[in-house]
Amino acid sequence: MATLLKVDVSTRGDWSISRKLGESYKAQWLAANAGGTVIERDLAVNPLPNVDLPWIVGAYSAPDQHLPEHKASLKPSDEVIGELLAADEVIITSPLYDFNIPAAFKQWIDHIVRINKTFSASYEGLAKGRKVTVFIAAGGNYGEGSPTAGVDFVSGYLKFIFGFIGITDVTVKLYDKTSAVLMGQQTQEEYLAANPVSLS
């Protein structure tokens, strides 16, 4: 049976547009994959620790040389890598902060990009054969004519870093102008109806 990994980043809970986009995708995915399994990781509720020195030493040394502090530091990384490698498809829902991904999202990336786990010493990606879709909710206007039109620091980075670990089927979907909901100019339901999610 197919397995979907859903990673949520936003701290807004039910107020989050990105989370609602992910829920819509998940519902459609479950309908299309009868009996499929969904693994969910909420980085707002259970944030990952920063990569520290014991993590780095442990990642770049043989397991039989690991001290308890190395094992403890690598444990969250082992967990999220296990979730990634168990999935056939991954969706990530995230807000856009200051034209880039939030720290919690970057911490997750730092834990999954690990030598001898998701890439080899010769820089071969070890997580091939998966599909990643990232839903980004942005308050600003990124459309034609806007001062920020064409400003996208996220898509290139995400496609590169997932490609580095062997995942080349990566789609980044930007949903902008979500501040209209925050400012009461549009309801969340109206925004989502105007910006539907599909599996394609």
Foldseek 3Di string as FASTA:
>chain_A
DAEEEEEEEDLPVPLDLLVVQVVQLVVQVCVVPPPYYYHYHYCNVPFQDAQDDLCVVLLPDDPVPRDPVNCVSLVVLVVLLVNLLRHQEYEYGAEADPQETDPSVVRSLVSNPTEPRQAHPVQRADSARHAYEYEYEEQADQDPPDPNPPRHPYPVVVCVSVVSNHYNRYHYHYQYNPVCCVVVVDPSVRSCVVPDHDPD
